[in-house]
Amino acid sequence: YQFFTDGGVHYSVGFMEDDVLLSKNSYQLIIANINNHKSPRNRKVRDTIVSIVDEFFRCNNSTLLYICETGDNKQRMRSRLFEYWFSTYNRKALFTMISSSIVDAEGVVNFATII
């Protein structure tokens, strides 16, 4: 899926088969800011991405893994934002979310959520 915000940010949202969870039906959620424009908090972005994830689960009885990008050191903020989006979702009772962080060998803190 791709969409543009009112502020001109170009987002791509997709799913790819996951090999981290070692489960038959698991996918990774990929959210990318294609044109790398600054993206302030935006309710429409939240609603759009949550709707895409909701549609994914309507069509798939699967596990979804979201791993926050670490390249710019903003992974903690991304994790908090993603958790906030789902905490305000009116159908959140239908989902189980588990979030965690882990430090890799280089000392980088990685944040992930399983839904």
C-alpha atoms as a PDB file:
ATOM      1  CA  TYR A   1       0.000   0.000   0.000  1.00  0.00           C
ATOM      2  CA  GLN A   2       1.151   3.552  -0.667  1.00  0.00           C
ATOM      3  CA  PHE A   3      -0.312   6.900   0.322  1.00  0.00           C
ATOM      4  CA  PHE A   4       0.580  10.567   0.651  1.00  0.00           C
ATOM      5  CA  THR A   5      -0.166  12.711   3.703  1.00  0.00           C
ATOM      6  CA  ASP A   6      -1.620  16.202   3.466  1.00  0.00           C
ATOM      7  CA  GLY A   7       1.935  17.421   4.165  1.00  0.00           C
ATOM      8  CA  GLY A   8       3.385  15.520   1.206  1.00  0.00           C
ATOM      9  CA  VAL A   9       4.969  12.588   3.039  1.00  0.00           C
ATOM     10  CA  HIS A  10       4.948   9.471   0.843  1.00  0.00           C
ATOM     11  CA  TYR A  11       4.393   6.283   2.840  1.00  0.00           C
ATOM     12  CA  SER A  12       4.632   2.678   1.798  1.00  0.00           C
ATOM     13  CA  VAL A  13       3.151  -0.049   4.007  1.00  0.00           C
ATOM     14  CA  GLY A  14       3.705  -3.703   3.262  1.00  0.00           C
ATOM     15  CA  PHE A  15       4.020  -7.208   4.587  1.00  0.00           C
ATOM     16  CA  MET A  16       6.716  -9.774   3.921  1.00  0.00           C
ATOM     17  CA  GLU A  17       7.032 -13.351   5.081  1.00  0.00           C
ATOM     18  CA  ASP A  18       9.027 -13.544   8.287  1.00  0.00           C
ATOM     19  CA  ASP A  19      11.784 -15.996   9.130  1.00  0.00           C
ATOM     20  CA  VAL A  20      12.617 -14.566  12.573  1.00  0.00           C
ATOM     21  CA  LEU A  21       9.657 -16.031  14.484  1.00  0.00           C
ATOM     22  CA  LEU A  22      10.028 -19.487  12.914  1.00  0.00           C
ATOM     23  CA  SER A  23       6.279 -19.750  12.577  1.00  0.00           C
ATOM     24  CA  LYS A  24       4.482 -20.893   9.436  1.00  0.00           C
ATOM     25  CA  ASN A  25       2.138 -17.937   9.258  1.00  0.00           C
ATOM     26  CA  SER A  26       4.204 -14.961  10.334  1.00  0.00           C
ATOM     27  CA  TYR A  27       4.902 -11.738   8.522  1.00  0.00           C
ATOM     28  CA  GLN A  28       6.847  -8.560   9.118  1.00  0.00           C
ATOM     29  CA  LEU A  29       5.099  -5.215   8.871  1.00  0.00           C
ATOM     30  CA  ILE A  30       7.123  -2.680   6.903  1.00  0.00           C
ATOM     31  CA  ILE A  31       6.321   1.036   7.197  1.00  0.00           C
ATOM     32  CA  ALA A  32       8.557   3.282   5.091  1.00  0.00           C
ATOM     33  CA  ASN A  33       8.713   7.047   4.647  1.00  0.00           C
ATOM     34  CA  ILE A  34       9.629   6.904   0.944  1.00  0.00           C
ATOM     35  CA  ASN A  35      10.568  10.537   0.362  1.00  0.00           C
ATOM     36  CA  ASN A  36      12.127  10.930   3.820  1.00  0.00           C
ATOM     37  CA  HIS A  37      10.129  14.061   4.651  1.00  0.00           C
ATOM     38  CA  LYS A  38       9.603  15.027   8.276  1.00  0.00           C
ATOM     39  CA  SER A  39       6.394  13.448   9.476  1.00  0.00           C
ATOM     40  CA  PRO A  40       4.707  15.135  12.425  1.00  0.00           C
ATOM     41  CA  ARG A  41       2.109  13.185  14.419  1.00  0.00           C
ATOM     42  CA  ASN A  42      -0.878  12.851  12.197  1.00  0.00           C
ATOM     43  CA  ARG A  43      -4.132  11.146  13.098  1.00  0.00           C
ATOM     44  CA  LYS A  44      -4.827  10.314   9.449  1.00  0.00           C
ATOM     45  CA  VAL A  45      -1.505   8.446   9.176  1.00  0.00           C
ATOM     46  CA  ARG A  46      -2.347   6.467  12.301  1.00  0.00           C
ATOM     47  CA  ASP A  47      -5.865   5.673  11.072  1.00  0.00           C
ATOM     48  CA  THR A  48      -4.583   4.629   7.640  1.00  0.00           C
ATOM     49  CA  ILE A  49      -1.843   2.340   8.938  1.00  0.00           C
ATOM     50  CA  VAL A  50      -4.083   0.786  11.589  1.00  0.00           C
ATOM     51  CA  SER A  51      -6.743   0.174   8.914  1.00  0.00           C
ATOM     52  CA  ILE A  52      -4.159  -1.545   6.707  1.00  0.00           C
ATOM     53  CA  VAL A  53      -3.082  -3.777   9.617  1.00  0.00           C
ATOM     54  CA  ASP A  54      -6.725  -4.486  10.467  1.00  0.00           C
ATOM     55  CA  GLU A  55      -7.380  -5.521   6.850  1.00  0.00           C
ATOM     56  CA  PHE A  56      -4.298  -7.752   6.950  1.00  0.00           C
ATOM     57  CA  PHE A  57      -5.753  -9.634   9.922  1.00  0.00           C
ATOM     58  CA  ARG A  58      -9.200  -9.870   8.299  1.00  0.00           C
ATOM     59  CA  CYS A  59      -7.533 -11.778   5.440  1.00  0.00           C
ATOM     60  CA  ASN A  60      -4.839 -13.676   7.385  1.00  0.00           C
ATOM     61  CA  ASN A  61      -4.835 -15.730  10.546  1.00  0.00           C
ATOM     62  CA  SER A  62      -1.192 -14.887  11.137  1.00  0.00           C
ATOM     63  CA  THR A  63       1.348 -13.357  13.459  1.00  0.00           C
ATOM     64  CA  LEU A  64       2.702  -9.930  12.605  1.00  0.00           C
ATOM     65  CA  LEU A  65       6.122  -8.666  13.676  1.00  0.00           C
ATOM     66  CA  TYR A  66       7.024  -4.976  13.639  1.00  0.00           C
ATOM     67  CA  ILE A  67      10.730  -4.163  14.072  1.00  0.00           C
ATOM     68  CA  CYS A  68      11.611  -0.477  14.341  1.00  0.00           C
ATOM     69  CA  GLU A  69      14.212   0.977  11.975  1.00  0.00           C
ATOM     70  CA  THR A  70      17.466   1.750  13.819  1.00  0.00           C
ATOM     71  CA  GLY A  71      19.476   3.642  11.171  1.00  0.00           C
ATOM     72  CA  ASP A  72      18.730   7.113  12.525  1.00  0.00           C
ATOM     73  CA  ASN A  73      18.567   6.321  16.275  1.00  0.00           C
ATOM     74  CA  LYS A  74      14.810   7.061  16.395  1.00  0.00           C
ATOM     75  CA  GLN A  75      13.716   3.476  17.070  1.00  0.00           C
ATOM     76  CA  ARG A  76      12.499   4.213  20.624  1.00  0.00           C
ATOM     77  CA  MET A  77      10.237   6.996  19.314  1.00  0.00           C
ATOM     78  CA  ARG A  78       8.905   4.727  16.563  1.00  0.00           C
ATOM     79  CA  SER A  79       8.123   2.022  19.083  1.00  0.00           C
ATOM     80  CA  ARG A  80       6.248   4.420  21.365  1.00  0.00           C
ATOM     81  CA  LEU A  81       4.301   5.841  18.434  1.00  0.00           C
ATOM     82  CA  PHE A  82       3.334   2.404  17.139  1.00  0.00           C
ATOM     83  CA  GLU A  83       2.165   1.336  20.610  1.00  0.00           C
ATOM     84  CA  TYR A  84       0.197   4.585  20.957  1.00  0.00           C
ATOM     85  CA  TRP A  85      -1.525   4.031  17.622  1.00  0.00           C
ATOM     86  CA  PHE A  86      -2.844   0.667  18.760  1.00  0.00           C
ATOM     87  CA  SER A  87      -3.712   1.835  22.272  1.00  0.00           C
ATOM     88  CA  THR A  88      -6.229   4.256  20.726  1.00  0.00           C
ATOM     89  CA  TYR A  89      -7.660   1.741  18.256  1.00  0.00           C
ATOM     90  CA  ASN A  90     -11.318   0.955  18.903  1.00  0.00           C
ATOM     91  CA  ARG A  91     -10.893  -2.763  18.068  1.00  0.00           C
ATOM     92  CA  LYS A  92      -7.728  -3.270  20.127  1.00  0.00           C
ATOM     93  CA  ALA A  93      -9.429  -5.908  22.271  1.00  0.00           C
ATOM     94  CA  LEU A  94      -9.286  -8.237  19.255  1.00  0.00           C
ATOM     95  CA  PHE A  95      -5.483  -8.184  19.256  1.00  0.00           C
ATOM     96  CA  THR A  96      -2.737  -9.275  21.595  1.00  0.00           C
ATOM     97  CA  MET A  97       0.368  -7.112  21.424  1.00  0.00           C
ATOM     98  CA  ILE A  98       3.700  -7.899  23.029  1.00  0.00           C
ATOM     99  CA  SER A  99       6.446  -5.282  22.805  1.00  0.00           C
ATOM    100  CA  SER A 100      10.042  -5.677  23.835  1.00  0.00           C
ATOM    101  CA  SER A 101      13.521  -4.305  23.315  1.00  0.00           C
ATOM    102  CA  ILE A 102      16.822  -6.082  22.962  1.00  0.00           C
ATOM    103  CA  VAL A 103      20.382  -4.804  22.710  1.00  0.00           C
ATOM    104  CA  ASP A 104      22.392  -6.267  19.831  1.00  0.00           C
ATOM    105  CA  ALA A 105      26.123  -7.052  19.726  1.00  0.00           C
ATOM    106  CA  GLU A 106      26.941  -3.467  18.644  1.00  0.00           C
ATOM    107  CA  GLY A 107      25.030  -2.021  21.625  1.00  0.00           C
ATOM    108  CA  VAL A 108      22.082  -0.801  19.513  1.00  0.00           C
ATOM    109  CA  VAL A 109      18.711  -1.095  21.223  1.00  0.00           C
ATOM    110  CA  ASN A 110      16.194  -2.793  18.937  1.00  0.00           C
ATOM    111  CA  PHE A 111      12.439  -2.455  19.535  1.00  0.00           C
ATOM    112  CA  ALA A 112       9.916  -4.967  18.276  1.00  0.00           C
ATOM    113  CA  THR A 113       6.219  -5.683  18.656  1.00  0.00           C
ATOM    114  CA  ILE A 114       4.423  -8.923  17.937  1.00  0.00           C
ATOM    115  CA  ILE A 115       0.700  -8.771  17.176  1.00  0.00           C
END
